[in-house]
N, C-alpha and C. Protein backbone atom coordinates (compact mmCIF):
# COMPACT_ATOMS: atom_id res chain seq x y z
N MET A 1 -4.08 1.78 -13.04
CA MET A 1 -4.28 2.91 -12.16
C MET A 1 -2.66 2.87 -10.91
N ALA A 2 -2.65 3.96 -10.51
CA ALA A 2 -1.43 3.96 -8.92
C ALA A 2 -2.61 4.32 -8.29
N TYR A 3 -1.38 3.57 -7.30
CA TYR A 3 -1.97 3.63 -5.67
C TYR A 3 -0.91 4.29 -5.16
N GLU A 4 -1.77 4.99 -4.18
CA GLU A 4 -0.52 5.82 -2.92
C GLU A 4 -1.31 5.50 -1.70
N ILE A 5 -0.52 5.21 -0.79
CA ILE A 5 -0.82 5.29 1.10
C ILE A 5 -0.95 6.66 1.52
N SER A 6 -2.07 6.94 2.28
CA SER A 6 -2.41 8.47 2.55
C SER A 6 -2.13 8.28 4.29
N ASP A 7 -2.46 9.23 4.76
CA ASP A 7 -1.78 9.67 5.94
C ASP A 7 -2.31 9.03 7.19
N GLU A 8 -3.78 8.12 6.55
CA GLU A 8 -4.37 7.26 7.06
C GLU A 8 -4.18 5.88 7.84
N CYS A 9 -2.99 5.60 7.06
CA CYS A 9 -2.16 4.64 7.53
C CYS A 9 -1.68 4.48 8.80
N VAL A 10 -2.25 2.94 9.76
CA VAL A 10 -1.98 3.05 11.01
C VAL A 10 -0.97 1.85 11.13
N ALA A 11 -0.15 2.01 10.02
CA ALA A 11 1.28 0.94 9.82
C ALA A 11 1.00 -0.72 10.55
N CYS A 12 -0.32 -1.38 10.11
CA CYS A 12 -0.68 -2.69 10.62
C CYS A 12 0.29 -3.42 9.36
N GLY A 13 0.74 -3.35 8.38
CA GLY A 13 1.64 -4.42 7.43
C GLY A 13 0.85 -5.06 6.11
N THR A 14 -0.65 -5.09 6.65
CA THR A 14 -1.42 -6.06 5.95
C THR A 14 -1.29 -5.98 4.29
N CYS A 15 -1.21 -4.77 4.30
CA CYS A 15 -1.16 -4.23 2.39
C CYS A 15 0.48 -5.12 2.03
N ALA A 16 1.33 -4.75 2.82
CA ALA A 16 2.69 -5.13 2.68
C ALA A 16 2.88 -6.85 2.42
N GLU A 17 2.15 -7.32 3.57
CA GLU A 17 1.84 -8.80 3.58
C GLU A 17 1.12 -9.33 2.29
N GLU A 18 -0.01 -9.03 1.87
CA GLU A 18 -0.71 -9.11 0.77
C GLU A 18 -0.16 -8.72 -0.79
N CYS A 19 0.78 -7.90 -0.58
CA CYS A 19 1.61 -7.52 -2.14
C CYS A 19 1.89 -8.63 -3.17
N PRO A 20 1.54 -9.26 -3.89
CA PRO A 20 2.29 -9.68 -4.79
C PRO A 20 2.82 -9.48 -5.61
N ALA A 21 3.55 -8.61 -5.77
CA ALA A 21 4.66 -7.94 -6.57
C ALA A 21 6.24 -7.17 -5.09
N ASN A 22 5.36 -7.32 -3.82
CA ASN A 22 6.41 -6.72 -2.92
C ASN A 22 6.77 -5.84 -3.41
N ALA A 23 5.98 -4.57 -3.64
CA ALA A 23 6.23 -3.41 -3.81
C ALA A 23 5.86 -2.32 -2.70
N ILE A 24 5.57 -2.74 -1.64
CA ILE A 24 5.83 -1.75 -0.50
C ILE A 24 6.30 -2.04 0.87
N GLU A 25 6.72 -0.50 1.32
CA GLU A 25 7.51 -1.16 2.22
C GLU A 25 7.23 -0.44 3.24
N GLU A 26 7.87 -0.79 4.74
CA GLU A 26 7.44 0.27 6.07
C GLU A 26 8.39 1.60 5.81
N GLY A 27 7.52 2.89 5.90
CA GLY A 27 8.27 3.73 5.96
C GLY A 27 8.21 4.18 7.64
N GLU A 28 8.76 5.44 8.04
CA GLU A 28 8.88 6.08 9.34
C GLU A 28 7.54 6.18 9.83
N GLU A 29 6.76 6.59 9.66
CA GLU A 29 5.43 6.53 10.12
C GLU A 29 4.15 5.68 9.04
N LYS A 30 4.41 5.69 7.94
CA LYS A 30 3.49 4.67 7.39
C LYS A 30 4.30 4.32 6.54
N TYR A 31 3.51 3.03 5.72
CA TYR A 31 3.98 2.25 4.65
C TYR A 31 3.97 3.24 3.00
N ALA A 32 4.86 2.50 2.29
CA ALA A 32 4.69 3.50 0.94
C ALA A 32 4.92 2.39 0.22
N ILE A 33 4.49 2.58 -1.32
CA ILE A 33 4.30 2.22 -2.35
C ILE A 33 5.27 2.03 -3.04
N ASN A 34 6.80 1.39 -3.90
CA ASN A 34 7.29 1.55 -4.76
C ASN A 34 6.83 1.40 -6.26
N GLN A 35 6.50 3.02 -6.61
CA GLN A 35 5.94 2.66 -7.62
C GLN A 35 6.56 1.88 -9.00
N GLY A 36 7.78 2.18 -9.00
CA GLY A 36 8.69 1.06 -9.70
C GLY A 36 8.20 -0.12 -9.60
N GLU A 37 8.26 -0.74 -8.79
CA GLU A 37 7.95 -2.29 -8.83
C GLU A 37 6.25 -2.68 -8.86
N CYS A 38 5.32 -1.90 -8.66
CA CYS A 38 4.01 -1.98 -7.98
C CYS A 38 3.57 -2.24 -9.92
N THR A 39 2.46 -3.05 -9.66
CA THR A 39 1.84 -3.69 -10.81
C THR A 39 0.78 -3.55 -10.96
N GLU A 40 0.16 -2.34 -9.63
CA GLU A 40 -1.40 -1.45 -10.13
C GLU A 40 -2.18 -2.69 -9.92
N CYS A 41 -2.50 -3.38 -9.27
CA CYS A 41 -3.36 -4.76 -9.05
C CYS A 41 -4.42 -4.63 -8.32
N GLY A 42 -4.00 -3.85 -7.44
CA GLY A 42 -5.26 -3.15 -6.63
C GLY A 42 -5.54 -4.04 -5.34
N THR A 43 -4.51 -5.29 -4.85
CA THR A 43 -4.85 -6.39 -3.81
C THR A 43 -4.61 -5.11 -2.67
N CYS A 44 -3.99 -3.78 -2.66
CA CYS A 44 -3.09 -3.27 -1.18
C CYS A 44 -4.85 -2.42 -0.78
N MET A 45 -5.18 -1.89 -1.76
CA MET A 45 -6.49 -1.09 -1.73
C MET A 45 -7.71 -1.75 -1.11
N GLU A 46 -7.83 -3.03 -1.61
CA GLU A 46 -8.65 -4.25 -1.22
C GLU A 46 -8.60 -4.36 0.20
N VAL A 47 -7.47 -5.06 0.49
CA VAL A 47 -6.86 -5.68 1.64
C VAL A 47 -6.62 -4.48 2.79
N CYS A 48 -6.87 -3.01 2.64
CA CYS A 48 -6.23 -2.27 3.85
C CYS A 48 -7.67 -2.43 4.75
N PRO A 49 -7.27 -2.35 6.43
CA PRO A 49 -8.35 -2.37 7.21
C PRO A 49 -9.07 -1.13 7.33
N VAL A 50 -8.67 0.26 6.98
CA VAL A 50 -8.77 1.46 7.40
C VAL A 50 -8.76 2.37 6.25
N ASP A 51 -8.66 1.71 4.82
CA ASP A 51 -9.09 2.47 3.62
C ASP A 51 -8.09 3.53 3.22
N ALA A 52 -6.84 3.35 3.28
CA ALA A 52 -5.83 4.17 3.55
C ALA A 52 -4.91 4.44 1.77
N VAL A 53 -5.20 3.13 1.30
CA VAL A 53 -4.85 3.16 -0.21
C VAL A 53 -5.60 3.47 -0.95
N VAL A 54 -5.11 4.81 -1.71
CA VAL A 54 -6.47 5.56 -2.20
C VAL A 54 -5.75 5.66 -3.88
N GLU A 55 -6.44 6.08 -4.77
CA GLU A 55 -5.76 5.96 -6.26
C GLU A 55 -5.11 7.15 -6.98
N LYS A 56 -3.96 7.56 -6.89
CA LYS A 56 -3.18 8.34 -7.50
C LYS A 56 -3.65 9.13 -8.58
């Protein structure tokens, strides 16, 4: 299942710190998932404190 980070992102960085594939990068206003590197493990969705990671 593919994931994306919604506009609810508060740019805390928790998802990027916990991503085992290092597929999440800081953007200008929010973090973004590099779909080419993402292994679709769901860790980002589990650790996001504001539920900003959603299924695509």
